[in-house]
PDB file of N, CA and C in Angstrom:
ATOM      1  N   MET A   1       0.944   4.985 -20.716  1.00  0.00           N
ATOM      2  CA  MET A   1       1.425   4.046 -19.725  1.00  0.00           C
ATOM      3  C   MET A   1       0.358   2.996 -19.441  1.00  0.00           C
ATOM      4  N   THR A   2       0.803   1.808 -19.130  1.00  0.00           N
ATOM      5  CA  THR A   2      -0.089   0.700 -18.849  1.00  0.00           C
ATOM      6  C   THR A   2      -0.292   0.565 -17.338  1.00  0.00           C
ATOM      7  N   PRO A   3      -1.528   0.408 -16.898  1.00  0.00           N
ATOM      8  CA  PRO A   3      -1.759   0.192 -15.466  1.00  0.00           C
ATOM      9  C   PRO A   3      -1.125  -1.113 -15.010  1.00  0.00           C
ATOM     10  N   THR A   4      -0.684  -1.133 -13.769  1.00  0.00           N
ATOM     11  CA  THR A   4      -0.035  -2.290 -13.172  1.00  0.00           C
ATOM     12  C   THR A   4      -0.738  -2.623 -11.869  1.00  0.00           C
ATOM     13  N   SER A   5      -0.737  -3.892 -11.518  1.00  0.00           N
ATOM     14  CA  SER A   5      -1.334  -4.327 -10.263  1.00  0.00           C
ATOM     15  C   SER A   5      -0.347  -5.230  -9.535  1.00  0.00           C
ATOM     16  N   VAL A   6      -0.177  -4.992  -8.237  1.00  0.00           N
ATOM     17  CA  VAL A   6       0.715  -5.807  -7.414  1.00  0.00           C
ATOM     18  C   VAL A   6       0.005  -6.142  -6.108  1.00  0.00           C
ATOM     19  N   ARG A   7       0.408  -7.246  -5.510  1.00  0.00           N
ATOM     20  CA  ARG A   7      -0.137  -7.624  -4.209  1.00  0.00           C
ATOM     21  C   ARG A   7       0.923  -7.383  -3.150  1.00  0.00           C
ATOM     22  N   ALA A   8       0.496  -6.803  -2.026  1.00  0.00           N
ATOM     23  CA  ALA A   8       1.448  -6.478  -0.976  1.00  0.00           C
ATOM     24  C   ALA A   8       0.807  -6.574   0.398  1.00  0.00           C
ATOM     25  N   ARG A   9       1.662  -6.750   1.370  1.00  0.00           N
ATOM     26  CA  ARG A   9       1.254  -6.675   2.776  1.00  0.00           C
ATOM     27  C   ARG A   9       1.905  -5.420   3.340  1.00  0.00           C
ATOM     28  N   LEU A  10       1.091  -4.509   3.840  1.00  0.00           N
ATOM     29  CA  LEU A  10       1.573  -3.269   4.430  1.00  0.00           C
ATOM     30  C   LEU A  10       1.467  -3.397   5.943  1.00  0.00           C
ATOM     31  N   THR A  11       2.587  -3.212   6.644  1.00  0.00           N
ATOM     32  CA  THR A  11       2.612  -3.307   8.097  1.00  0.00           C
ATOM     33  C   THR A  11       2.871  -1.922   8.667  1.00  0.00           C
ATOM     34  N   PHE A  12       1.950  -1.464   9.505  1.00  0.00           N
ATOM     35  CA  PHE A  12       1.973  -0.110  10.029  1.00  0.00           C
ATOM     36  C   PHE A  12       2.533  -0.049  11.448  1.00  0.00           C
ATOM     37  N   PRO A  13       3.387   0.927  11.730  1.00  0.00           N
ATOM     38  CA  PRO A  13       3.816   1.140  13.110  1.00  0.00           C
ATOM     39  C   PRO A  13       2.702   1.835  13.894  1.00  0.00           C
ATOM     40  N   GLU A  14       2.801   1.807  15.196  1.00  0.00           N
ATOM     41  CA  GLU A  14       1.764   2.362  16.070  1.00  0.00           C
ATOM     42  C   GLU A  14       1.406   3.809  15.726  1.00  0.00           C
ATOM     43  N   VAL A  15       2.383   4.630  15.407  1.00  0.00           N
ATOM     44  CA  VAL A  15       2.112   6.058  15.162  1.00  0.00           C
ATOM     45  C   VAL A  15       1.264   6.301  13.919  1.00  0.00           C
ATOM     46  N   LEU A  16       1.157   5.323  13.032  1.00  0.00           N
ATOM     47  CA  LEU A  16       0.393   5.502  11.797  1.00  0.00           C
ATOM     48  C   LEU A  16      -0.930   4.739  11.754  1.00  0.00           C
ATOM     49  N   VAL A  17      -1.248   4.011  12.803  1.00  0.00           N
ATOM     50  CA  VAL A  17      -2.457   3.197  12.797  1.00  0.00           C
ATOM     51  C   VAL A  17      -3.702   4.046  12.563  1.00  0.00           C
ATOM     52  N   GLY A  18      -3.760   5.233  13.108  1.00  0.00           N
ATOM     53  CA  GLY A  18      -4.938   6.082  12.971  1.00  0.00           C
ATOM     54  C   GLY A  18      -4.900   7.049  11.800  1.00  0.00           C
ATOM     55  N   GLU A  19      -3.862   6.972  10.970  1.00  0.00           N
ATOM     56  CA  GLU A  19      -3.717   7.895   9.845  1.00  0.00           C
ATOM     57  C   GLU A  19      -4.397   7.342   8.587  1.00  0.00           C
ATOM     58  N   PRO A  20      -4.894   8.222   7.712  1.00  0.00           N
ATOM     59  CA  PRO A  20      -5.578   7.787   6.485  1.00  0.00           C
ATOM     60  C   PRO A  20      -4.596   7.457   5.351  1.00  0.00           C
ATOM     61  N   VAL A  21      -3.768   6.470   5.572  1.00  0.00           N
ATOM     62  CA  VAL A  21      -2.705   6.117   4.628  1.00  0.00           C
ATOM     63  C   VAL A  21      -3.265   5.672   3.277  1.00  0.00           C
ATOM     64  N   ILE A  22      -4.282   4.835   3.278  1.00  0.00           N
ATOM     65  CA  ILE A  22      -4.847   4.331   2.028  1.00  0.00           C
ATOM     66  C   ILE A  22      -5.465   5.474   1.227  1.00  0.00           C
ATOM     67  N   SER A  23      -6.106   6.405   1.898  1.00  0.00           N
ATOM     68  CA  SER A  23      -6.664   7.575   1.205  1.00  0.00           C
ATOM     69  C   SER A  23      -5.562   8.398   0.553  1.00  0.00           C
ATOM     70  N   ARG A  24      -4.442   8.539   1.245  1.00  0.00           N
ATOM     71  CA  ARG A  24      -3.314   9.299   0.680  1.00  0.00           C
ATOM     72  C   ARG A  24      -2.798   8.640  -0.604  1.00  0.00           C
ATOM     73  N   LEU A  25      -2.766   7.316  -0.633  1.00  0.00           N
ATOM     74  CA  LEU A  25      -2.324   6.628  -1.851  1.00  0.00           C
ATOM     75  C   LEU A  25      -3.210   7.008  -3.032  1.00  0.00           C
ATOM     76  N   ALA A  26      -4.515   7.014  -2.799  1.00  0.00           N
ATOM     77  CA  ALA A  26      -5.460   7.336  -3.871  1.00  0.00           C
ATOM     78  C   ALA A  26      -5.397   8.808  -4.257  1.00  0.00           C
ATOM     79  N   LEU A  27      -5.438   9.686  -3.277  1.00  0.00           N
ATOM     80  CA  LEU A  27      -5.503  11.117  -3.557  1.00  0.00           C
ATOM     81  C   LEU A  27      -4.187  11.694  -4.068  1.00  0.00           C
ATOM     82  N   ASP A  28      -3.072  11.301  -3.465  1.00  0.00           N
ATOM     83  CA  ASP A  28      -1.777  11.887  -3.818  1.00  0.00           C
ATOM     84  C   ASP A  28      -1.067  11.176  -4.966  1.00  0.00           C
ATOM     85  N   TYR A  29      -1.339   9.877  -5.135  1.00  0.00           N
ATOM     86  CA  TYR A  29      -0.598   9.103  -6.128  1.00  0.00           C
ATOM     87  C   TYR A  29      -1.472   8.448  -7.187  1.00  0.00           C
ATOM     88  N   GLY A  30      -2.774   8.501  -7.045  1.00  0.00           N
ATOM     89  CA  GLY A  30      -3.656   7.860  -8.013  1.00  0.00           C
ATOM     90  C   GLY A  30      -3.582   6.347  -7.960  1.00  0.00           C
ATOM     91  N   VAL A  31      -3.180   5.810  -6.820  1.00  0.00           N
ATOM     92  CA  VAL A  31      -3.042   4.364  -6.632  1.00  0.00           C
ATOM     93  C   VAL A  31      -4.248   3.871  -5.838  1.00  0.00           C
ATOM     94  N   THR A  32      -4.931   2.863  -6.367  1.00  0.00           N
ATOM     95  CA  THR A  32      -6.055   2.293  -5.639  1.00  0.00           C
ATOM     96  C   THR A  32      -5.595   1.071  -4.857  1.00  0.00           C
ATOM     97  N   ALA A  33      -6.230   0.859  -3.719  1.00  0.00           N
ATOM     98  CA  ALA A  33      -5.888  -0.278  -2.872  1.00  0.00           C
ATOM     99  C   ALA A  33      -7.150  -1.095  -2.630  1.00  0.00           C
ATOM    100  N   ASN A  34      -7.155  -2.314  -3.142  1.00  0.00           N
ATOM    101  CA  ASN A  34      -8.246  -3.240  -2.899  1.00  0.00           C
ATOM    102  C   ASN A  34      -7.839  -4.084  -1.685  1.00  0.00           C
ATOM    103  N   ILE A  35      -8.421  -3.784  -0.539  1.00  0.00           N
ATOM    104  CA  ILE A  35      -8.045  -4.459   0.699  1.00  0.00           C
ATOM    105  C   ILE A  35      -8.656  -5.856   0.724  1.00  0.00           C
ATOM    106  N   ARG A  36      -7.794  -6.847   0.853  1.00  0.00           N
ATOM    107  CA  ARG A  36      -8.228  -8.248   0.859  1.00  0.00           C
ATOM    108  C   ARG A  36      -8.336  -8.807   2.274  1.00  0.00           C
ATOM    109  N   ARG A  37      -7.453  -8.378   3.160  1.00  0.00           N
ATOM    110  CA  ARG A  37      -7.440  -8.788   4.566  1.00  0.00           C
ATOM    111  C   ARG A  37      -6.804  -7.667   5.363  1.00  0.00           C
ATOM    112  N   ALA A  38      -7.195  -7.553   6.618  1.00  0.00           N
ATOM    113  CA  ALA A  38      -6.582  -6.534   7.463  1.00  0.00           C
ATOM    114  C   ALA A  38      -6.750  -6.897   8.929  1.00  0.00           C
ATOM    115  N   ASN A  39      -5.825  -6.406   9.724  1.00  0.00           N
ATOM    116  CA  ASN A  39      -5.911  -6.507  11.170  1.00  0.00           C
ATOM    117  C   ASN A  39      -5.314  -5.213  11.715  1.00  0.00           C
ATOM    118  N   VAL A  40      -6.176  -4.371  12.262  1.00  0.00           N
ATOM    119  CA  VAL A  40      -5.721  -3.091  12.792  1.00  0.00           C
ATOM    120  C   VAL A  40      -6.111  -3.033  14.256  1.00  0.00           C
ATOM    121  N   GLU A  41      -5.110  -2.854  15.092  1.00  0.00           N
ATOM    122  CA  GLU A  41      -5.326  -2.758  16.526  1.00  0.00           C
ATOM    123  C   GLU A  41      -4.741  -1.441  17.020  1.00  0.00           C
ATOM    124  N   GLU A  42      -4.806  -1.216  18.297  1.00  0.00           N
ATOM    125  CA  GLU A  42      -4.355   0.046  18.876  1.00  0.00           C
ATOM    126  C   GLU A  42      -2.869   0.314  18.649  1.00  0.00           C
ATOM    127  N   HIS A  43      -2.033  -0.709  18.712  1.00  0.00           N
ATOM    128  CA  HIS A  43      -0.590  -0.507  18.675  1.00  0.00           C
ATOM    129  C   HIS A  43       0.091  -0.893  17.370  1.00  0.00           C
ATOM    130  N   ALA A  44      -0.607  -1.548  16.478  1.00  0.00           N
ATOM    131  CA  ALA A  44      -0.012  -1.957  15.201  1.00  0.00           C
ATOM    132  C   ALA A  44      -1.117  -2.417  14.264  1.00  0.00           C
ATOM    133  N   GLY A  45      -0.761  -2.584  13.020  1.00  0.00           N
ATOM    134  CA  GLY A  45      -1.745  -3.072  12.068  1.00  0.00           C
ATOM    135  C   GLY A  45      -1.096  -3.523  10.776  1.00  0.00           C
ATOM    136  N   TRP A  46      -1.821  -4.336  10.035  1.00  0.00           N
ATOM    137  CA  TRP A  46      -1.350  -4.757   8.711  1.00  0.00           C
ATOM    138  C   TRP A  46      -2.542  -4.859   7.781  1.00  0.00           C
ATOM    139  N   ILE A  47      -2.244  -4.704   6.502  1.00  0.00           N
ATOM    140  CA  ILE A  47      -3.249  -4.807   5.450  1.00  0.00           C
ATOM    141  C   ILE A  47      -2.654  -5.616   4.305  1.00  0.00           C
ATOM    142  N   VAL A  48      -3.385  -6.600   3.825  1.00  0.00           N
ATOM    143  CA  VAL A  48      -3.024  -7.296   2.589  1.00  0.00           C
ATOM    144  C   VAL A  48      -3.906  -6.695   1.510  1.00  0.00           C
ATOM    145  N   CYS A  49      -3.283  -6.164   0.465  1.00  0.00           N
ATOM    146  CA  CYS A  49      -4.065  -5.482  -0.560  1.00  0.00           C
ATOM    147  C   CYS A  49      -3.456  -5.644  -1.944  1.00  0.00           C
ATOM    148  N   GLU A  50      -4.272  -5.326  -2.913  1.00  0.00           N
ATOM    149  CA  GLU A  50      -3.824  -5.242  -4.295  1.00  0.00           C
ATOM    150  C   GLU A  50      -3.718  -3.759  -4.617  1.00  0.00           C
ATOM    151  N   LEU A  51      -2.532  -3.313  -4.973  1.00  0.00           N
ATOM    152  CA  LEU A  51      -2.298  -1.917  -5.333  1.00  0.00           C
ATOM    153  C   LEU A  51      -2.297  -1.807  -6.845  1.00  0.00           C
ATOM    154  N   ALA A  52      -3.032  -0.848  -7.385  1.00  0.00           N
ATOM    155  CA  ALA A  52      -3.122  -0.702  -8.835  1.00  0.00           C
ATOM    156  C   ALA A  52      -2.945   0.755  -9.228  1.00  0.00           C
ATOM    157  N   GLY A  53      -2.238   0.947 -10.338  1.00  0.00           N
ATOM    158  CA  GLY A  53      -2.023   2.287 -10.871  1.00  0.00           C
ATOM    159  C   GLY A  53      -0.915   2.265 -11.902  1.00  0.00           C
ATOM    160  N   GLU A  54      -0.558   3.433 -12.387  1.00  0.00           N
ATOM    161  CA  GLU A  54       0.559   3.548 -13.331  1.00  0.00           C
ATOM    162  C   GLU A  54       1.848   3.150 -12.614  1.00  0.00           C
ATOM    163  N   ARG A  55       2.729   2.442 -13.285  1.00  0.00           N
ATOM    164  CA  ARG A  55       3.942   1.889 -12.671  1.00  0.00           C
ATOM    165  C   ARG A  55       4.763   2.957 -11.938  1.00  0.00           C
ATOM    166  N   GLU A  56       4.967   4.092 -12.573  1.00  0.00           N
ATOM    167  CA  GLU A  56       5.766   5.159 -11.965  1.00  0.00           C
ATOM    168  C   GLU A  56       5.106   5.677 -10.691  1.00  0.00           C
ATOM    169  N   ARG A  57       3.784   5.812 -10.717  1.00  0.00           N
ATOM    170  CA  ARG A  57       3.050   6.302  -9.548  1.00  0.00           C
ATOM    171  C   ARG A  57       3.058   5.254  -8.424  1.00  0.00           C
ATOM    172  N   LEU A  58       2.989   3.967  -8.784  1.00  0.00           N
ATOM    173  CA  LEU A  58       3.103   2.907  -7.780  1.00  0.00           C
ATOM    174  C   LEU A  58       4.456   2.966  -7.087  1.00  0.00           C
ATOM    175  N   ASP A  59       5.511   3.139  -7.873  1.00  0.00           N
ATOM    176  CA  ASP A  59       6.853   3.232  -7.300  1.00  0.00           C
ATOM    177  C   ASP A  59       6.959   4.422  -6.348  1.00  0.00           C
ATOM    178  N   GLU A  60       6.394   5.554  -6.734  1.00  0.00           N
ATOM    179  CA  GLU A  60       6.406   6.747  -5.881  1.00  0.00           C
ATOM    180  C   GLU A  60       5.616   6.504  -4.597  1.00  0.00           C
ATOM    181  N   ALA A  61       4.471   5.837  -4.724  1.00  0.00           N
ATOM    182  CA  ALA A  61       3.634   5.550  -3.558  1.00  0.00           C
ATOM    183  C   ALA A  61       4.352   4.625  -2.585  1.00  0.00           C
ATOM    184  N   VAL A  62       5.014   3.598  -3.101  1.00  0.00           N
ATOM    185  CA  VAL A  62       5.744   2.663  -2.243  1.00  0.00           C
ATOM    186  C   VAL A  62       6.907   3.382  -1.563  1.00  0.00           C
ATOM    187  N   GLU A  63       7.580   4.246  -2.270  1.00  0.00           N
ATOM    188  CA  GLU A  63       8.663   5.033  -1.674  1.00  0.00           C
ATOM    189  C   GLU A  63       8.121   5.889  -0.526  1.00  0.00           C
ATOM    190  N   TRP A  64       6.953   6.494  -0.733  1.00  0.00           N
ATOM    191  CA  TRP A  64       6.326   7.298   0.319  1.00  0.00           C
ATOM    192  C   TRP A  64       5.971   6.426   1.523  1.00  0.00           C
ATOM    193  N   LEU A  65       5.371   5.247   1.272  1.00  0.00           N
ATOM    194  CA  LEU A  65       5.011   4.339   2.361  1.00  0.00           C
ATOM    195  C   LEU A  65       6.240   3.977   3.195  1.00  0.00           C
ATOM    196  N   GLU A  66       7.287   3.524   2.519  1.00  0.00           N
ATOM    197  CA  GLU A  66       8.496   3.104   3.220  1.00  0.00           C
ATOM    198  C   GLU A  66       9.161   4.270   3.934  1.00  0.00           C
ATOM    199  N   GLY A  67       9.099   5.447   3.340  1.00  0.00           N
ATOM    200  CA  GLY A  67       9.665   6.638   3.960  1.00  0.00           C
ATOM    201  C   GLY A  67       8.951   7.047   5.236  1.00  0.00           C
ATOM    202  N   HIS A  68       7.718   6.604   5.388  1.00  0.00           N
ATOM    203  CA  HIS A  68       6.939   6.907   6.583  1.00  0.00           C
ATOM    204  C   HIS A  68       6.917   5.737   7.573  1.00  0.00           C
ATOM    205  N   GLY A  69       7.764   4.746   7.352  1.00  0.00           N
ATOM    206  CA  GLY A  69       7.898   3.644   8.301  1.00  0.00           C
ATOM    207  C   GLY A  69       6.949   2.488   8.098  1.00  0.00           C
ATOM    208  N   ILE A  70       6.288   2.445   6.948  1.00  0.00           N
ATOM    209  CA  ILE A  70       5.391   1.333   6.651  1.00  0.00           C
ATOM    210  C   ILE A  70       6.183   0.272   5.895  1.00  0.00           C
ATOM    211  N   LYS A  71       6.180  -0.943   6.428  1.00  0.00           N
ATOM    212  CA  LYS A  71       6.905  -2.037   5.788  1.00  0.00           C
ATOM    213  C   LYS A  71       6.062  -2.584   4.648  1.00  0.00           C
ATOM    214  N   VAL A  72       6.678  -2.726   3.480  1.00  0.00           N
ATOM    215  CA  VAL A  72       5.984  -3.246   2.297  1.00  0.00           C
ATOM    216  C   VAL A  72       6.601  -4.601   1.937  1.00  0.00           C
ATOM    217  N   ASP A  73       5.800  -5.650   2.020  1.00  0.00           N
ATOM    218  CA  ASP A  73       6.235  -6.996   1.630  1.00  0.00           C
ATOM    219  C   ASP A  73       5.440  -7.404   0.398  1.00  0.00           C
ATOM    220  N   TRP A  74       6.142  -7.773  -0.672  1.00  0.00           N
ATOM    221  CA  TRP A  74       5.478  -8.201  -1.902  1.00  0.00           C
ATOM    222  C   TRP A  74       5.026  -9.634  -1.744  1.00  0.00           C
ATOM    223  N   LEU A  75       3.809  -9.909  -2.189  1.00  0.00           N
ATOM    224  CA  LEU A  75       3.237 -11.248  -2.072  1.00  0.00           C
ATOM    225  C   LEU A  75       3.263 -11.953  -3.418  1.00  0.00           C
ATOM    226  N   GLY A  76       3.112 -13.260  -3.393  1.00  0.00           N
ATOM    227  CA  GLY A  76       3.135 -14.063  -4.612  1.00  0.00           C
ATOM    228  C   GLY A  76       2.104 -13.640  -5.637  1.00  0.00           C
ATOM    229  N   GLY A  77       2.294 -14.098  -6.822  1.00  0.00           N
ATOM    230  CA  GLY A  77       1.370 -13.762  -7.899  1.00  0.00           C
ATOM    231  C   GLY A  77       1.978 -12.812  -8.902  1.00  0.00           C
ATOM    232  N   GLY A  78       3.104 -12.236  -8.547  1.00  0.00           N
ATOM    233  CA  GLY A  78       3.807 -11.380  -9.496  1.00  0.00           C
ATOM    234  C   GLY A  78       3.111 -10.080  -9.791  1.00  0.00           C
ATOM    235  N   VAL A  79       3.617  -9.452 -10.815  1.00  0.00           N
ATOM    236  CA  VAL A  79       3.126  -8.147 -11.247  1.00  0.00           C
ATOM    237  C   VAL A  79       2.375  -8.327 -12.543  1.00  0.00           C
ATOM    238  N   GLU A  80       1.223  -7.711 -12.623  1.00  0.00           N
ATOM    239  CA  GLU A  80       0.446  -7.743 -13.865  1.00  0.00           C
ATOM    240  C   GLU A  80       0.580  -6.406 -14.543  1.00  0.00           C
ATOM    241  N   SER A  81       0.736  -6.417 -15.853  1.00  0.00           N
ATOM    242  CA  SER A  81       0.776  -5.144 -16.575  1.00  0.00           C
ATOM    243  C   SER A  81       0.123  -5.289 -17.921  1.00  0.00           C
TER     244      SER A  81
END
């Protein structure tokens, strides 16, 4: 499989602001997140990042994020593979 890289904005609800979400992506899915910008406050937060990994694992990671209430918005630049 060929590694893929995508750019996304992840928006976190208040209940997940203190959770190690980015670590879970790496440990559970083998997806790395290169954080480009972030704003995390007590009640909400967002991260603009480049997510990289095997395509199938990226899809699984995004499904997990969305299933936990994290909004995933794809940013310009397309998908690299």
